[in-house]
Amino acid sequence: MPLYDYKCPKCGHRFEVLKTISERENAVCEKCGSKVERIYQGKCAFGAVKGSAGCSGHCAGCAGCGSH
């Protein structure tokens, strides 16, 4: 299951959460309950570094790092 980073536009709280790909857009803030936006930090939750043998840099099918 992918690890996603979120930030709340209302209170500014940032957090990470494990969610299925189908659940990733339905996250709410742990602190205030507002709808949050995903943030992209260029990391891959699957342990591969972009450009290494484990990551092709084409995340359309992976959604691990979300940088593409």
PDB file of N, CA and C in Angstrom:
ATOM      1  N   MET A   1       0.848  -1.172   0.000  1.00  0.00           N
ATOM      2  CA  MET A   1       0.000   0.000   0.000  1.00  0.00           C
ATOM      3  C   MET A   1       0.895   1.237   0.000  1.00  0.00           C
ATOM      4  N   PRO A   2       0.626   2.198  -0.868  1.00  0.00           N
ATOM      5  CA  PRO A   2       1.457   3.405  -0.965  1.00  0.00           C
ATOM      6  C   PRO A   2       1.315   4.339   0.241  1.00  0.00           C
ATOM      7  N   LEU A   3       2.393   5.035   0.522  1.00  0.00           N
ATOM      8  CA  LEU A   3       2.435   6.047   1.570  1.00  0.00           C
ATOM      9  C   LEU A   3       2.288   7.409   0.900  1.00  0.00           C
ATOM     10  N   TYR A   4       1.285   8.169   1.294  1.00  0.00           N
ATOM     11  CA  TYR A   4       1.016   9.471   0.693  1.00  0.00           C
ATOM     12  C   TYR A   4       1.249  10.586   1.706  1.00  0.00           C
ATOM     13  N   ASP A   5       1.728  11.724   1.223  1.00  0.00           N
ATOM     14  CA  ASP A   5       1.939  12.915   2.035  1.00  0.00           C
ATOM     15  C   ASP A   5       0.809  13.894   1.749  1.00  0.00           C
ATOM     16  N   TYR A   6       0.299  14.503   2.813  1.00  0.00           N
ATOM     17  CA  TYR A   6      -0.800  15.448   2.684  1.00  0.00           C
ATOM     18  C   TYR A   6      -0.508  16.716   3.474  1.00  0.00           C
ATOM     19  N   LYS A   7      -1.168  17.796   3.057  1.00  0.00           N
ATOM     20  CA  LYS A   7      -1.112  19.063   3.791  1.00  0.00           C
ATOM     21  C   LYS A   7      -2.522  19.647   3.818  1.00  0.00           C
ATOM     22  N   CYS A   8      -2.900  20.137   4.977  1.00  0.00           N
ATOM     23  CA  CYS A   8      -4.214  20.739   5.131  1.00  0.00           C
ATOM     24  C   CYS A   8      -4.128  22.221   4.786  1.00  0.00           C
ATOM     25  N   PRO A   9      -4.906  22.685   3.805  1.00  0.00           N
ATOM     26  CA  PRO A   9      -4.869  24.107   3.455  1.00  0.00           C
ATOM     27  C   PRO A   9      -5.500  24.994   4.527  1.00  0.00           C
ATOM     28  N   LYS A  10      -6.320  24.413   5.393  1.00  0.00           N
ATOM     29  CA  LYS A  10      -6.997  25.198   6.430  1.00  0.00           C
ATOM     30  C   LYS A  10      -6.096  25.439   7.651  1.00  0.00           C
ATOM     31  N   CYS A  11      -5.503  24.362   8.206  1.00  0.00           N
ATOM     32  CA  CYS A  11      -4.718  24.525   9.437  1.00  0.00           C
ATOM     33  C   CYS A  11      -3.211  24.349   9.232  1.00  0.00           C
ATOM     34  N   GLY A  12      -2.790  23.889   8.027  1.00  0.00           N
ATOM     35  CA  GLY A  12      -1.372  23.749   7.730  1.00  0.00           C
ATOM     36  C   GLY A  12      -0.725  22.452   8.201  1.00  0.00           C
ATOM     37  N   HIS A  13      -1.502  21.569   8.829  1.00  0.00           N
ATOM     38  CA  HIS A  13      -0.962  20.300   9.328  1.00  0.00           C
ATOM     39  C   HIS A  13      -0.486  19.427   8.164  1.00  0.00           C
ATOM     40  N   ARG A  14       0.727  18.862   8.305  1.00  0.00           N
ATOM     41  CA  ARG A  14       1.284  17.951   7.298  1.00  0.00           C
ATOM     42  C   ARG A  14       1.401  16.580   7.929  1.00  0.00           C
ATOM     43  N   PHE A  15       1.057  15.545   7.148  1.00  0.00           N
ATOM     44  CA  PHE A  15       1.132  14.184   7.664  1.00  0.00           C
ATOM     45  C   PHE A  15       1.246  13.176   6.530  1.00  0.00           C
ATOM     46  N   GLU A  16       1.638  11.960   6.892  1.00  0.00           N
ATOM     47  CA  GLU A  16       1.738  10.852   5.951  1.00  0.00           C
ATOM     48  C   GLU A  16       0.711   9.805   6.360  1.00  0.00           C
ATOM     49  N   VAL A  17       0.192   9.098   5.374  1.00  0.00           N
ATOM     50  CA  VAL A  17      -0.768   8.040   5.674  1.00  0.00           C
ATOM     51  C   VAL A  17      -0.691   6.963   4.587  1.00  0.00           C
ATOM     52  N   LEU A  18      -0.857   5.719   5.000  1.00  0.00           N
ATOM     53  CA  LEU A  18      -0.934   4.605   4.060  1.00  0.00           C
ATOM     54  C   LEU A  18      -2.370   4.512   3.570  1.00  0.00           C
ATOM     55  N   LYS A  19      -2.542   4.530   2.259  1.00  0.00           N
ATOM     56  CA  LYS A  19      -3.877   4.435   1.666  1.00  0.00           C
ATOM     57  C   LYS A  19      -3.782   3.643   0.374  1.00  0.00           C
ATOM     58  N   THR A  20      -4.875   3.010   0.010  1.00  0.00           N
ATOM     59  CA  THR A  20      -4.918   2.367  -1.293  1.00  0.00           C
ATOM     60  C   THR A  20      -4.980   3.464  -2.349  1.00  0.00           C
ATOM     61  N   ILE A  21      -4.646   3.120  -3.566  1.00  0.00           N
ATOM     62  CA  ILE A  21      -4.674   4.098  -4.656  1.00  0.00           C
ATOM     63  C   ILE A  21      -6.076   4.673  -4.827  1.00  0.00           C
ATOM     64  N   SER A  22      -7.105   3.845  -4.672  1.00  0.00           N
ATOM     65  CA  SER A  22      -8.475   4.337  -4.847  1.00  0.00           C
ATOM     66  C   SER A  22      -8.925   5.252  -3.702  1.00  0.00           C
ATOM     67  N   GLU A  23      -8.270   5.179  -2.536  1.00  0.00           N
ATOM     68  CA  GLU A  23      -8.642   6.013  -1.389  1.00  0.00           C
ATOM     69  C   GLU A  23      -7.826   7.298  -1.280  1.00  0.00           C
ATOM     70  N   ARG A  24      -6.790   7.463  -2.081  1.00  0.00           N
ATOM     71  CA  ARG A  24      -5.827   8.540  -1.875  1.00  0.00           C
ATOM     72  C   ARG A  24      -6.404   9.949  -1.990  1.00  0.00           C
ATOM     73  N   GLU A  25      -7.466  10.148  -2.742  1.00  0.00           N
ATOM     74  CA  GLU A  25      -8.037  11.484  -2.915  1.00  0.00           C
ATOM     75  C   GLU A  25      -9.104  11.806  -1.869  1.00  0.00           C
ATOM     76  N   ASN A  26      -9.434  10.873  -1.002  1.00  0.00           N
ATOM     77  CA  ASN A  26     -10.495  11.078  -0.020  1.00  0.00           C
ATOM     78  C   ASN A  26      -9.951  11.269   1.389  1.00  0.00           C
ATOM     79  N   ALA A  27      -8.801  11.865   1.527  1.00  0.00           N
ATOM     80  CA  ALA A  27      -8.187  12.052   2.841  1.00  0.00           C
ATOM     81  C   ALA A  27      -8.685  13.336   3.492  1.00  0.00           C
ATOM     82  N   VAL A  28      -8.755  13.292   4.823  1.00  0.00           N
ATOM     83  CA  VAL A  28      -9.109  14.471   5.608  1.00  0.00           C
ATOM     84  C   VAL A  28      -8.044  14.693   6.665  1.00  0.00           C
ATOM     85  N   CYS A  29      -7.934  15.913   7.123  1.00  0.00           N
ATOM     86  CA  CYS A  29      -6.935  16.299   8.105  1.00  0.00           C
ATOM     87  C   CYS A  29      -7.156  15.576   9.431  1.00  0.00           C
ATOM     88  N   GLU A  30      -6.060  15.064   9.985  1.00  0.00           N
ATOM     89  CA  GLU A  30      -6.114  14.382  11.283  1.00  0.00           C
ATOM     90  C   GLU A  30      -6.459  15.347  12.414  1.00  0.00           C
ATOM     91  N   LYS A  31      -6.132  16.617  12.231  1.00  0.00           N
ATOM     92  CA  LYS A  31      -6.325  17.619  13.296  1.00  0.00           C
ATOM     93  C   LYS A  31      -7.692  18.306  13.232  1.00  0.00           C
ATOM     94  N   CYS A  32      -8.076  18.805  12.030  1.00  0.00           N
ATOM     95  CA  CYS A  32      -9.295  19.618  11.964  1.00  0.00           C
ATOM     96  C   CYS A  32     -10.423  18.999  11.131  1.00  0.00           C
ATOM     97  N   GLY A  33     -10.135  17.904  10.410  1.00  0.00           N
ATOM     98  CA  GLY A  33     -11.173  17.232   9.639  1.00  0.00           C
ATOM     99  C   GLY A  33     -11.461  17.815   8.264  1.00  0.00           C
ATOM    100  N   SER A  34     -10.710  18.835   7.849  1.00  0.00           N
ATOM    101  CA  SER A  34     -10.903  19.445   6.526  1.00  0.00           C
ATOM    102  C   SER A  34     -10.329  18.552   5.429  1.00  0.00           C
ATOM    103  N   LYS A  35     -10.821  18.729   4.215  1.00  0.00           N
ATOM    104  CA  LYS A  35     -10.275  18.010   3.067  1.00  0.00           C
ATOM    105  C   LYS A  35      -8.844  18.495   2.842  1.00  0.00           C
ATOM    106  N   VAL A  36      -7.931  17.567   2.592  1.00  0.00           N
ATOM    107  CA  VAL A  36      -6.518  17.900   2.420  1.00  0.00           C
ATOM    108  C   VAL A  36      -6.084  17.736   0.980  1.00  0.00           C
ATOM    109  N   GLU A  37      -4.916  18.281   0.656  1.00  0.00           N
ATOM    110  CA  GLU A  37      -4.346  18.131  -0.682  1.00  0.00           C
ATOM    111  C   GLU A  37      -3.076  17.293  -0.580  1.00  0.00           C
ATOM    112  N   ARG A  38      -2.868  16.469  -1.578  1.00  0.00           N
ATOM    113  CA  ARG A  38      -1.649  15.661  -1.619  1.00  0.00           C
ATOM    114  C   ARG A  38      -0.467  16.546  -1.961  1.00  0.00           C
ATOM    115  N   ILE A  39       0.658  16.262  -1.332  1.00  0.00           N
ATOM    116  CA  ILE A  39       1.894  16.955  -1.672  1.00  0.00           C
ATOM    117  C   ILE A  39       2.873  15.915  -2.191  1.00  0.00           C
ATOM    118  N   TYR A  40       3.754  16.351  -3.060  1.00  0.00           N
ATOM    119  CA  TYR A  40       4.712  15.459  -3.691  1.00  0.00           C
ATOM    120  C   TYR A  40       6.112  15.830  -3.241  1.00  0.00           C
ATOM    121  N   GLN A  41       6.807  14.862  -2.642  1.00  0.00           N
ATOM    122  CA  GLN A  41       8.134  15.139  -2.125  1.00  0.00           C
ATOM    123  C   GLN A  41       9.228  14.383  -2.872  1.00  0.00           C
ATOM    124  N   GLY A  42       8.874  13.734  -3.976  1.00  0.00           N
ATOM    125  CA  GLY A  42       9.868  13.075  -4.799  1.00  0.00           C
ATOM    126  C   GLY A  42      10.479  11.838  -4.186  1.00  0.00           C
ATOM    127  N   LYS A  43       9.773  11.202  -3.257  1.00  0.00           N
ATOM    128  CA  LYS A  43      10.292   9.979  -2.665  1.00  0.00           C
ATOM    129  C   LYS A  43       9.423   8.814  -3.105  1.00  0.00           C
ATOM    130  N   CYS A  44       9.985   7.659  -3.051  1.00  0.00           N
ATOM    131  CA  CYS A  44       9.255   6.466  -3.452  1.00  0.00           C
ATOM    132  C   CYS A  44       9.045   5.601  -2.219  1.00  0.00           C
ATOM    133  N   ALA A  45       7.817   5.324  -1.884  1.00  0.00           N
ATOM    134  CA  ALA A  45       7.492   4.549  -0.693  1.00  0.00           C
ATOM    135  C   ALA A  45       7.864   3.078  -0.849  1.00  0.00           C
ATOM    136  N   PHE A  46       8.277   2.672  -2.029  1.00  0.00           N
ATOM    137  CA  PHE A  46       8.610   1.280  -2.276  1.00  0.00           C
ATOM    138  C   PHE A  46      10.105   1.018  -2.133  1.00  0.00           C
ATOM    139  N   GLY A  47      10.871   2.000  -1.708  1.00  0.00           N
ATOM    140  CA  GLY A  47      12.287   1.812  -1.429  1.00  0.00           C
ATOM    141  C   GLY A  47      13.218   2.033  -2.608  1.00  0.00           C
ATOM    142  N   ALA A  48      12.694   2.296  -3.776  1.00  0.00           N
ATOM    143  CA  ALA A  48      13.548   2.518  -4.935  1.00  0.00           C
ATOM    144  C   ALA A  48      13.817   4.003  -5.117  1.00  0.00           C
ATOM    145  N   VAL A  49      14.979   4.334  -5.572  1.00  0.00           N
ATOM    146  CA  VAL A  49      15.336   5.719  -5.854  1.00  0.00           C
ATOM    147  C   VAL A  49      15.112   5.968  -7.335  1.00  0.00           C
ATOM    148  N   LYS A  50      14.488   7.092  -7.670  1.00  0.00           N
ATOM    149  CA  LYS A  50      14.203   7.418  -9.066  1.00  0.00           C
ATOM    150  C   LYS A  50      15.470   7.292  -9.898  1.00  0.00           C
ATOM    151  N   GLY A  51      15.345   6.551 -10.995  1.00  0.00           N
ATOM    152  CA  GLY A  51      16.478   6.346 -11.886  1.00  0.00           C
ATOM    153  C   GLY A  51      17.314   5.121 -11.547  1.00  0.00           C
ATOM    154  N   SER A  52      17.088   4.509 -10.383  1.00  0.00           N
ATOM    155  CA  SER A  52      17.830   3.301 -10.022  1.00  0.00           C
ATOM    156  C   SER A  52      17.202   2.105 -10.727  1.00  0.00           C
ATOM    157  N   ALA A  53      17.789   0.954 -10.553  1.00  0.00           N
ATOM    158  CA  ALA A  53      17.271  -0.253 -11.198  1.00  0.00           C
ATOM    159  C   ALA A  53      15.848  -0.576 -10.746  1.00  0.00           C
ATOM    160  N   GLY A  54      15.461  -0.144  -9.540  1.00  0.00           N
ATOM    161  CA  GLY A  54      14.131  -0.439  -9.026  1.00  0.00           C
ATOM    162  C   GLY A  54      13.075   0.569  -9.428  1.00  0.00           C
ATOM    163  N   CYS A  55      13.480   1.697 -10.018  1.00  0.00           N
ATOM    164  CA  CYS A  55      12.522   2.733 -10.396  1.00  0.00           C
ATOM    165  C   CYS A  55      12.868   3.256 -11.780  1.00  0.00           C
ATOM    166  N   SER A  56      11.904   3.155 -12.689  1.00  0.00           N
ATOM    167  CA  SER A  56      12.141   3.591 -14.063  1.00  0.00           C
ATOM    168  C   SER A  56      11.974   5.094 -14.233  1.00  0.00           C
ATOM    169  N   GLY A  57      11.344   5.765 -13.255  1.00  0.00           N
ATOM    170  CA  GLY A  57      11.053   7.187 -13.400  1.00  0.00           C
ATOM    171  C   GLY A  57       9.744   7.447 -14.111  1.00  0.00           C
ATOM    172  N   HIS A  58       9.068   6.392 -14.529  1.00  0.00           N
ATOM    173  CA  HIS A  58       7.768   6.502 -15.189  1.00  0.00           C
ATOM    174  C   HIS A  58       6.724   5.913 -14.245  1.00  0.00           C
ATOM    175  N   CYS A  59       6.126   6.761 -13.448  1.00  0.00           N
ATOM    176  CA  CYS A  59       5.275   6.311 -12.343  1.00  0.00           C
ATOM    177  C   CYS A  59       3.803   6.149 -12.693  1.00  0.00           C
ATOM    178  N   ALA A  60       3.438   6.246 -13.942  1.00  0.00           N
ATOM    179  CA  ALA A  60       2.022   6.171 -14.297  1.00  0.00           C
ATOM    180  C   ALA A  60       1.365   4.914 -13.750  1.00  0.00           C
ATOM    181  N   GLY A  61       2.069   3.799 -13.762  1.00  0.00           N
ATOM    182  CA  GLY A  61       1.510   2.568 -13.244  1.00  0.00           C
ATOM    183  C   GLY A  61       1.870   2.289 -11.814  1.00  0.00           C
ATOM    184  N   CYS A  62       2.821   3.018 -11.257  1.00  0.00           N
ATOM    185  CA  CYS A  62       3.333   2.760  -9.921  1.00  0.00           C
ATOM    186  C   CYS A  62       2.641   3.610  -8.871  1.00  0.00           C
ATOM    187  N   ALA A  63       2.619   4.915  -9.052  1.00  0.00           N
ATOM    188  CA  ALA A  63       2.058   5.885  -8.104  1.00  0.00           C
ATOM    189  C   ALA A  63       2.784   5.889  -6.772  1.00  0.00           C
ATOM    190  N   GLY A  64       3.995   5.350  -6.715  1.00  0.00           N
ATOM    191  CA  GLY A  64       4.748   5.299  -5.473  1.00  0.00           C
ATOM    192  C   GLY A  64       5.277   6.637  -5.034  1.00  0.00           C
ATOM    193  N   CYS A  65       5.965   7.342  -5.915  1.00  0.00           N
ATOM    194  CA  CYS A  65       6.534   8.617  -5.502  1.00  0.00           C
ATOM    195  C   CYS A  65       5.702   9.804  -5.961  1.00  0.00           C
ATOM    196  N   GLY A  66       4.855   9.607  -6.937  1.00  0.00           N
ATOM    197  CA  GLY A  66       3.952  10.663  -7.379  1.00  0.00           C
ATOM    198  C   GLY A  66       4.626  11.848  -8.046  1.00  0.00           C
ATOM    199  N   SER A  67       5.905  11.693  -8.434  1.00  0.00           N
ATOM    200  CA  SER A  67       6.603  12.837  -8.999  1.00  0.00           C
ATOM    201  C   SER A  67       6.392  12.983 -10.499  1.00  0.00           C
ATOM    202  N   HIS A  68       5.640  12.110 -11.114  1.00  0.00           N
ATOM    203  CA  HIS A  68       5.385  12.214 -12.560  1.00  0.00           C
ATOM    204  C   HIS A  68       3.914  12.275 -12.837  1.00  0.00           C
TER     205      HIS A  68
END
